[in-house]
Each structure stands twice: as C-alpha cells, then as structure tokens.
Amino acid sequence: MTGPLPLSALLSQVLVAFIIEFDNEFEHQMPHRTSLSGGSREGPWLVSMAMYSTCMRFVGDDPITVREVEALARTKTNWNGMERWKYIVVEPDPKDPRLKPPRPAWLVRPTAKGRQAREIWRTLFGTIESRWRSRFGDAIDGLREALRAIAVQLDAKLPDCLPILGYGLFSKEPDRKLAPAAGSSESSDTLAALLSRVLLALATEFEQESVWSLAVYANVIRVLDGQGKRVRDLPMLSGVSKEGIAMALGVMQKGRIVKVDSGEDGRTKVAQLTSKGLEVQAKCHRLLGAIEARWQARFGEEKIRQLRDALSRIVNDQSSLSRGIEPYPDGWRASVRRPQTLPHYPMVLHRGGFPDGS
C-alpha cells in the first residue's frame, strides 16, 4: 500500500498540525491544570480546540439552552466534561414550570474561567493562520481557495469541526433532529473549519460504505500487518495516543480482525491482523481510492488536484510543519515522546478533544 498519501491523510495531517499549534498557544496563555503539570485546583482542566468549536463558541454571557448550543454547533459536545472541567454551568431554567425539565431545555452559562478561555480561543484562529502565512507563504492562499471550492458544494449542516468520535470511533453525521436555532450560525471561514468540513464529508462517505470507521482504519488497521507489531510502538507509528490505540484495538478485537498476544518475552503485547483483518485493510484502502476518484468526477479533477497540491506543499515542508508544532518548554507535549508522524485521521475523543486522542 505504497504511493501518494490518501486525500484524507493529507487533510488530517494539515488539520492536526494546525490544532496542535493552536492548542499549544492556548495552553501557554490560559491558566489551567493538567495531570502532568498540576496547576491551581480552581483553574479549568486543559482541553483542545474541539471544546471551543462544539461548545464555548456558542456560550455567550447570557444563558442559552443545551438544545440551542447543539443546533448552532450542528454537533454535540461533552457536556459533563465541560462542566466538570469548570468551563460552564448547566442547570434547569428557574422559569421552566415543569417539575423535571428535559436536559436539552437546561440553561448553559460560562464560568469566569470559561469566559476567559473563550476570549483567548477566539483570537487564536487568526493568530495561528497569520503564523502559517509567514511560514508557508502563498501556499495558505492556495489551500484556502482549494478548500472553499469544495466546501461550498458540501452539506450546509456539516459542523465547522470534527465531531467527537462515537461508538466504534465513527464520525457522526449532522443530527437532522437538531432544529436550527433562531439566528442559526453560518459556517466559519477559518482554515480549521474549512479543513474540518471537507475532511468530515470524506469520512462520512467512507463510513457509509465501511463497517469500520476511518479513524480505526487510517490510524491502526493501516499500520498493522500479519506478522505482528508491538502495541507500545503503535502510538509512534500512527501519531495517536496510547489511549486512542487501546480504544481502537478494543473495537478491532470485537470484530475479530486483530489478535493481541504476548510476545516471545511473555511481557510485550503484540498486535497482528487476522486473515479477516488483512482483507479489511485491503478493502478500506481500495475504498479510499474509489472515493477520491468519485470526488474527481463530482467536484472536477482540476479542483481535487489543486487541493492535493496545496495540502502536499504544506505536508512536504516538514521543517516548517515541525517548527510550528514545537511545544513551549513548559507545555505538556514537551514532556512526552514525539511520534514519527501525525495521525492519518484525527482521533477526537471525549478526553478533552485533542486531535491525537491524548
């Protein structure tokens, strides 16, 4: 399975690099706490861009209902997490006469720290994109133009971010039952939103025809073989956290496409694809190729070529890409081992929404 990277992988690596740089800057500016660095018990738990895009972007100073936030975001967020992490308060509307109002009717308001985080997040899209323009030059204008040419033809209900992965690590399509709120938000034109919408459209098309999610295939099935690889090496090979790898392997074991056994030393865990798994790997690989061919027919060969070329200019400029995601010395990423690659599909989990499943 050699050759050019799939379009989904190019989109993913550019998006993940942008998010990591965005997250590093948020971590640098926002007082917070983490399991690695500690911090004030009163500070909010550190989370990723996804928690802004699915929640805090729409939580203003005036109370808003859970239902309205989800309609504006066009996807759901981790409500329990955002409240536990001290960004929001969610409680019944005191004016609601019902004894037990349904959760969607509850009111959401930001905490003081949530308001502070929201204002920092709002500025970072422009800050990071400005850095990318300085670093990559006119490649960013070319990428924006190529993304817009596709995005304008996509479903208007697609969210401006990748949704938190659901059961089986599938990306969730827009919830058609979410009634648009009054003054429903238009799609954002940030680089991250454009990348996310195009990538999500590709992922949902893949998952309509595959029993395996793109996140599981691109990050785990893809890197395994029939000979076996050490489980502890998979985060380095895939760019995905060990927690994300563990979740994917659990899904794969249920489907009997992978075996995880002890290695020759009796201690090291080794994962290898079963014969069924090898068939799944080949089928998923072919499906991605077929979808890209379909997109060429649907959107035009020239538009897809321009998008590929624009993404490749950034992905192939490893020096500039690596410089951008270099963490601050006191950042949590500075204390962990850097993987050999960026994920071939973002692993956005309930664990704070980080794009590599951290």
Protein backbone atom coordinates (compact mmCIF):
# COMPACT_ATOMS: atom_id res chain seq x y z
CA MET A 1 0.00 0.00 0.00
CA THR A 2 2.61 2.46 -1.14
CA GLY A 3 2.17 5.57 -3.22
CA PRO A 4 0.83 9.08 -2.54
CA LEU A 5 -0.95 9.72 0.74
CA PRO A 6 -4.75 9.47 0.51
CA LEU A 7 -6.53 12.81 0.37
CA SER A 8 -7.98 12.08 3.82
CA ALA A 9 -4.48 11.70 5.28
CA LEU A 10 -3.27 14.96 3.74
CA LEU A 11 -6.29 16.82 5.12
CA SER A 12 -5.83 15.18 8.51
CA GLN A 13 -2.15 15.94 8.90
CA VAL A 14 -2.58 19.61 7.99
CA LEU A 15 -5.59 19.95 10.31
CA VAL A 16 -3.91 18.16 13.21
CA ALA A 17 -0.78 20.31 12.85
CA PHE A 18 -2.92 23.46 12.95
CA ILE A 19 -4.83 22.25 16.02
CA ILE A 20 -1.69 21.25 17.93
CA GLU A 21 -0.15 24.68 17.33
CA PHE A 22 -3.46 26.30 18.33
CA ASP A 23 -3.66 24.16 21.49
CA ASN A 24 -0.05 24.87 22.45
CA GLU A 25 -0.72 28.60 22.29
CA PHE A 26 -3.94 28.27 24.31
CA GLU A 27 -2.08 26.27 26.94
CA HIS A 28 0.61 28.99 27.05
CA GLN A 29 -1.87 31.84 27.52
CA MET A 30 -4.63 30.30 29.66
CA PRO A 31 -4.16 29.46 33.36
CA HIS A 32 -5.12 25.79 33.67
CA ARG A 33 -4.38 22.48 35.30
CA THR A 34 -3.31 19.09 33.95
CA SER A 35 -2.33 15.71 35.36
CA LEU A 36 1.29 16.32 34.27
CA SER A 37 1.93 19.89 35.39
CA GLY A 38 -0.67 20.28 38.10
CA GLY A 39 -1.84 23.87 38.42
CA SER A 40 -4.40 25.62 40.57
CA ARG A 41 -7.30 23.45 41.70
CA GLU A 42 -9.52 26.41 40.82
CA GLY A 43 -8.25 26.54 37.24
CA PRO A 44 -10.06 24.76 34.41
CA TRP A 45 -8.78 21.46 33.05
CA LEU A 46 -6.82 21.88 29.84
CA VAL A 47 -8.82 20.94 26.73
CA SER A 48 -8.41 21.20 22.96
CA MET A 49 -9.91 23.34 20.19
CA ALA A 50 -12.81 20.90 19.77
CA MET A 51 -14.25 22.01 23.10
CA TYR A 52 -14.39 25.58 21.86
CA SER A 53 -15.83 24.64 18.47
CA THR A 54 -18.55 22.34 19.85
CA CYS A 55 -19.40 24.37 22.94
CA MET A 56 -17.75 27.58 24.10
CA ARG A 57 -18.00 29.34 20.72
CA PHE A 58 -21.77 29.49 21.27
CA VAL A 59 -21.96 30.03 25.03
CA GLY A 60 -22.26 33.79 25.48
CA ASP A 61 -22.66 35.77 28.66
CA ASP A 62 -26.44 35.37 28.51
CA PRO A 63 -27.83 31.88 29.27
CA ILE A 64 -28.56 29.64 26.29
CA THR A 65 -30.19 26.22 26.27
CA VAL A 66 -28.36 22.97 25.63
CA ARG A 67 -30.59 22.43 22.58
CA GLU A 68 -29.68 25.83 21.14
CA VAL A 69 -25.94 25.26 21.55
CA GLU A 70 -26.17 21.91 19.79
CA ALA A 71 -28.23 23.41 16.97
CA LEU A 72 -25.74 26.24 16.48
CA ALA A 73 -22.75 23.90 16.63
CA ARG A 74 -24.50 21.33 14.42
CA THR A 75 -23.00 18.64 16.65
CA LYS A 76 -22.90 17.65 20.32
CA THR A 77 -20.25 18.31 22.92
CA ASN A 78 -19.10 16.62 26.12
CA TRP A 79 -21.47 18.43 28.45
CA ASN A 80 -20.49 16.54 31.58
CA GLY A 81 -16.82 17.10 30.86
CA MET A 82 -17.13 20.81 30.15
CA GLU A 83 -19.00 21.29 33.40
CA ARG A 84 -16.61 19.09 35.38
CA TRP A 85 -13.63 20.89 33.84
CA LYS A 86 -15.08 24.22 35.10
CA TYR A 87 -15.83 25.97 31.80
CA ILE A 88 -19.62 26.04 32.10
CA VAL A 89 -22.54 25.62 34.46
CA VAL A 90 -25.58 23.66 33.21
CA GLU A 91 -28.78 23.85 35.24
CA PRO A 92 -32.58 23.88 34.83
CA ASP A 93 -34.20 27.14 33.80
CA PRO A 94 -35.75 28.59 37.01
CA LYS A 95 -38.62 29.94 34.88
CA ASP A 96 -39.46 26.50 33.47
CA PRO A 97 -42.69 25.36 35.23
CA ARG A 98 -42.06 21.66 34.60
CA LEU A 99 -41.05 19.54 37.59
CA LYS A 100 -38.27 17.80 35.67
CA PRO A 101 -37.39 19.75 32.52
CA PRO A 102 -35.59 17.63 29.90
CA ARG A 103 -31.85 18.16 29.70
CA PRO A 104 -31.97 19.88 26.26
CA ALA A 105 -34.06 22.65 27.88
CA TRP A 106 -31.48 23.33 30.60
CA LEU A 107 -29.56 26.60 30.53
CA VAL A 108 -25.82 26.89 29.90
CA ARG A 109 -23.72 29.78 31.12
CA PRO A 110 -19.96 30.24 31.24
CA THR A 111 -17.92 30.33 34.41
CA ALA A 112 -15.48 33.19 34.89
CA LYS A 113 -12.68 30.91 33.67
CA GLY A 114 -14.87 29.80 30.78
CA ARG A 115 -15.30 33.41 29.67
CA GLN A 116 -11.55 33.95 29.89
CA ALA A 117 -10.85 30.81 27.86
CA ARG A 118 -13.48 31.75 25.26
CA GLU A 119 -11.90 35.15 24.63
CA ILE A 120 -8.43 33.61 24.21
CA TRP A 121 -9.74 30.89 21.87
CA ARG A 122 -11.48 33.46 19.66
CA THR A 123 -8.21 35.24 18.87
CA LEU A 124 -6.13 32.16 18.15
CA PHE A 125 -7.61 31.21 14.77
CA GLY A 126 -6.29 34.43 13.28
CA THR A 127 -3.04 34.23 15.24
CA ILE A 128 -2.13 30.75 14.04
CA GLU A 129 -3.23 31.37 10.47
CA SER A 130 -1.07 34.52 10.41
CA ARG A 131 1.90 32.43 11.54
CA TRP A 132 1.18 29.89 8.82
CA ARG A 133 1.13 32.64 6.20
CA SER A 134 4.55 33.77 7.36
CA ARG A 135 5.86 30.22 7.41
CA PHE A 136 4.29 28.72 4.28
CA GLY A 137 3.77 31.84 2.18
CA ASP A 138 1.25 31.80 -0.66
CA ALA A 139 0.62 28.07 -0.06
CA ILE A 140 -2.01 29.14 2.50
CA ASP A 141 -3.90 31.26 -0.03
CA GLY A 142 -3.82 28.34 -2.45
CA LEU A 143 -5.07 25.97 0.22
CA ARG A 144 -7.91 28.30 1.24
CA GLU A 145 -9.01 28.69 -2.36
CA ALA A 146 -8.92 24.93 -2.97
CA LEU A 147 -10.83 24.14 0.22
CA ARG A 148 -13.51 26.75 -0.47
CA ALA A 149 -14.07 25.36 -3.96
CA ILE A 150 -15.08 22.03 -2.37
CA ALA A 151 -16.69 23.32 0.84
CA VAL A 152 -19.31 25.44 -0.94
CA GLN A 153 -20.71 22.29 -2.53
CA LEU A 154 -20.99 20.32 0.72
CA ASP A 155 -23.95 19.79 3.06
CA ALA A 156 -24.60 23.08 4.86
CA LYS A 157 -25.38 21.17 8.06
CA LEU A 158 -21.84 19.86 8.44
CA PRO A 159 -20.28 21.32 11.60
CA ASP A 160 -17.23 23.57 11.49
CA CYS A 161 -15.19 20.98 13.36
CA LEU A 162 -14.77 17.25 13.54
CA PRO A 163 -17.35 15.80 15.94
CA ILE A 164 -16.29 13.82 18.97
CA LEU A 165 -15.99 10.22 17.78
CA GLY A 166 -18.86 7.98 18.76
CA TYR A 167 -19.35 4.25 19.28
CA GLY A 168 -16.89 2.28 17.18
CA LEU A 169 -14.91 5.52 16.75
CA PHE A 170 -17.18 6.61 13.93
CA SER A 171 -17.52 10.24 12.92
CA LYS A 172 -21.08 11.42 13.42
CA GLU A 173 -23.08 12.91 10.60
CA PRO A 174 -25.09 16.07 11.34
CA ASP A 175 -28.03 15.35 13.63
CA ARG A 176 -31.05 16.04 11.42
CA LYS A 177 -33.26 16.22 14.51
CA LEU A 178 -31.44 19.29 15.80
CA ALA A 179 -33.76 22.15 14.91
CA PRO A 180 -31.79 25.22 13.83
CA ALA A 181 -31.90 27.89 16.49
CA ALA A 182 -33.08 31.40 15.76
CA GLY A 183 -30.25 33.23 14.05
CA SER A 184 -28.50 29.92 13.41
CA SER A 185 -24.81 30.45 12.83
CA GLU A 186 -23.32 30.38 9.38
CA SER A 187 -20.28 28.25 8.67
CA SER A 188 -17.00 29.67 9.83
CA ASP A 189 -14.37 30.61 7.25
CA THR A 190 -11.37 29.79 9.43
CA LEU A 191 -8.77 27.50 7.93
CA ALA A 192 -9.51 24.90 10.61
CA ALA A 193 -13.24 24.95 9.80
CA LEU A 194 -12.66 24.57 6.06
CA LEU A 195 -10.28 21.65 6.61
CA SER A 196 -12.70 20.03 9.06
CA ARG A 197 -15.76 20.29 6.83
CA VAL A 198 -14.03 18.80 3.78
CA LEU A 199 -12.43 16.03 5.82
CA LEU A 200 -15.68 15.19 7.61
CA ALA A 201 -17.53 14.96 4.29
CA LEU A 202 -14.94 12.47 3.07
CA ALA A 203 -15.03 10.49 6.32
CA THR A 204 -18.82 10.17 6.42
CA GLU A 205 -18.85 9.00 2.80
CA PHE A 206 -16.25 6.36 3.68
CA GLU A 207 -18.19 5.25 6.75
CA GLN A 208 -21.47 4.91 4.84
CA GLU A 209 -19.82 2.07 2.92
CA SER A 210 -17.49 0.60 5.53
CA VAL A 211 -18.20 -1.35 8.70
CA TRP A 212 -15.00 0.19 10.08
CA SER A 213 -14.53 3.84 10.89
CA LEU A 214 -11.96 5.92 9.07
CA ALA A 215 -10.29 6.67 12.41
CA VAL A 216 -9.77 2.96 13.11
CA TYR A 217 -8.62 2.12 9.60
CA ALA A 218 -6.35 5.09 8.96
CA ASN A 219 -4.60 5.01 12.32
CA VAL A 220 -4.44 1.36 13.33
CA ILE A 221 -5.58 -1.13 10.68
CA ARG A 222 -3.37 0.68 8.17
CA VAL A 223 -0.14 0.32 10.18
CA LEU A 224 -0.60 -3.32 11.21
CA ASP A 225 0.24 -6.47 9.24
CA GLY A 226 0.00 -10.22 9.53
CA GLN A 227 3.40 -10.53 11.20
CA GLY A 228 2.67 -8.54 14.32
CA LYS A 229 3.83 -5.24 15.77
CA ARG A 230 4.43 -4.28 19.39
CA VAL A 231 1.44 -2.45 20.82
CA ARG A 232 3.76 0.00 22.56
CA ASP A 233 5.14 1.05 19.15
CA LEU A 234 1.75 1.85 17.64
CA PRO A 235 1.50 5.41 19.06
CA MET A 236 4.81 6.29 17.39
CA LEU A 237 3.80 4.67 14.08
CA SER A 238 0.32 6.21 13.96
CA GLY A 239 0.68 9.53 15.78
CA VAL A 240 -2.22 8.55 18.04
CA SER A 241 -2.07 8.38 21.85
CA LYS A 242 -1.85 5.03 23.63
CA GLU A 243 -5.37 5.63 24.96
CA GLY A 244 -6.68 6.10 21.42
CA ILE A 245 -4.82 2.99 20.26
CA ALA A 246 -6.32 0.97 23.13
CA MET A 247 -9.84 2.04 22.18
CA ALA A 248 -9.26 1.16 18.51
CA LEU A 249 -7.76 -2.24 19.34
CA GLY A 250 -10.76 -2.98 21.56
CA VAL A 251 -13.12 -2.29 18.65
CA MET A 252 -10.98 -4.40 16.32
CA GLN A 253 -10.80 -7.34 18.73
CA LYS A 254 -14.59 -7.40 18.97
CA GLY A 255 -14.68 -7.61 15.19
CA ARG A 256 -12.04 -10.37 15.20
CA ILE A 257 -9.77 -8.59 12.76
CA VAL A 258 -6.81 -8.35 15.14
CA LYS A 259 -5.13 -10.63 17.66
CA VAL A 260 -3.28 -9.17 20.64
CA ASP A 261 -0.98 -11.68 22.32
CA SER A 262 2.13 -11.71 24.45
CA GLY A 263 5.40 -11.58 22.53
CA GLU A 264 8.26 -14.04 22.84
CA ASP A 265 9.42 -12.45 26.10
CA GLY A 266 6.00 -13.07 27.64
CA ARG A 267 5.61 -9.43 28.61
CA THR A 268 5.39 -7.38 25.42
CA LYS A 269 1.97 -7.18 23.80
CA VAL A 270 1.96 -7.79 20.04
CA ALA A 271 -0.92 -6.97 17.68
CA GLN A 272 -1.34 -8.62 14.31
CA LEU A 273 -4.10 -8.62 11.74
CA THR A 274 -6.02 -11.83 11.25
CA SER A 275 -6.77 -13.07 7.74
CA LYS A 276 -10.09 -11.23 8.03
CA GLY A 277 -8.18 -8.14 9.15
CA LEU A 278 -5.91 -8.26 6.11
CA GLU A 279 -8.97 -8.39 3.87
CA VAL A 280 -10.46 -5.41 5.71
CA GLN A 281 -7.20 -3.49 5.32
CA ALA A 282 -7.14 -4.03 1.55
CA LYS A 283 -10.84 -3.24 1.19
CA CYS A 284 -10.55 0.03 3.13
CA HIS A 285 -7.52 1.02 1.10
CA ARG A 286 -9.44 0.46 -2.13
CA LEU A 287 -12.48 2.33 -0.80
CA LEU A 288 -10.46 5.46 -0.07
CA GLY A 289 -9.11 5.36 -3.60
CA ALA A 290 -12.60 4.91 -5.02
CA ILE A 291 -13.95 7.86 -3.04
CA GLU A 292 -11.17 10.12 -4.27
CA ALA A 293 -11.95 9.06 -7.85
CA ARG A 294 -15.62 9.85 -7.17
CA TRP A 295 -14.70 13.26 -5.83
CA GLN A 296 -12.77 13.97 -9.01
CA ALA A 297 -15.91 13.21 -11.01
CA ARG A 298 -18.17 15.18 -8.64
CA PHE A 299 -16.08 18.28 -7.99
CA GLY A 300 -13.80 18.20 -11.02
CA GLU A 301 -10.36 16.69 -11.50
CA GLU A 302 -8.73 20.10 -11.51
CA LYS A 303 -10.24 21.12 -8.15
CA ILE A 304 -9.13 17.90 -6.46
CA ARG A 305 -5.67 18.21 -8.00
CA GLN A 306 -5.40 21.79 -6.72
CA LEU A 307 -6.49 20.66 -3.25
CA ARG A 308 -3.97 17.80 -3.26
CA ASP A 309 -1.18 20.07 -4.43
CA ALA A 310 -1.96 22.73 -1.82
CA LEU A 311 -2.06 20.20 1.01
CA SER A 312 1.09 18.45 -0.21
CA ARG A 313 3.05 21.71 -0.22
CA ILE A 314 2.43 22.03 3.50
CA VAL A 315 2.80 18.35 4.45
CA ASN A 316 6.05 18.06 2.49
CA ASP A 317 7.52 21.14 4.18
CA GLN A 318 8.39 19.10 7.24
CA SER A 319 10.76 21.73 8.62
CA SER A 320 8.08 24.43 8.77
CA LEU A 321 5.42 21.98 9.94
CA SER A 322 7.58 20.65 12.77
CA ARG A 323 8.63 24.14 13.83
CA GLY A 324 5.01 25.12 14.21
CA ILE A 325 4.02 22.22 16.47
CA GLU A 326 7.09 22.54 18.70
CA PRO A 327 5.62 22.92 22.21
CA TYR A 328 6.58 25.56 24.71
CA PRO A 329 9.20 24.21 27.18
CA ASP A 330 6.60 24.09 29.97
CA GLY A 331 3.86 22.63 27.77
CA TRP A 332 2.61 19.12 28.37
CA ARG A 333 3.68 17.94 24.91
CA ALA A 334 7.29 18.87 25.74
CA SER A 335 7.32 16.12 28.37
CA VAL A 336 6.10 13.26 26.17
CA ARG A 337 7.75 11.39 23.32
CA ARG A 338 7.03 12.86 19.90
CA PRO A 339 5.55 10.41 17.35
CA GLN A 340 7.09 9.78 13.95
CA THR A 341 4.01 11.04 12.10
CA LEU A 342 0.79 12.95 12.50
CA PRO A 343 -2.47 10.96 12.56
CA HIS A 344 -3.99 9.93 9.24
CA TYR A 345 -7.34 10.79 10.79
CA PRO A 346 -7.88 12.92 13.91
CA MET A 347 -8.77 10.87 16.98
CA VAL A 348 -11.10 13.36 18.70
CA LEU A 349 -12.27 11.72 21.92
CA HIS A 350 -14.26 12.76 24.98
CA ARG A 351 -10.91 13.06 26.77
CA GLY A 352 -10.69 16.81 26.07
CA GLY A 353 -10.99 16.62 22.29
CA PHE A 354 -7.27 16.55 21.46
CA PRO A 355 -6.71 15.56 17.79
CA ASP A 356 -4.40 12.66 18.62
CA GLY A 357 -6.61 11.18 21.35
CA SER A 358 -4.41 12.47 24.20
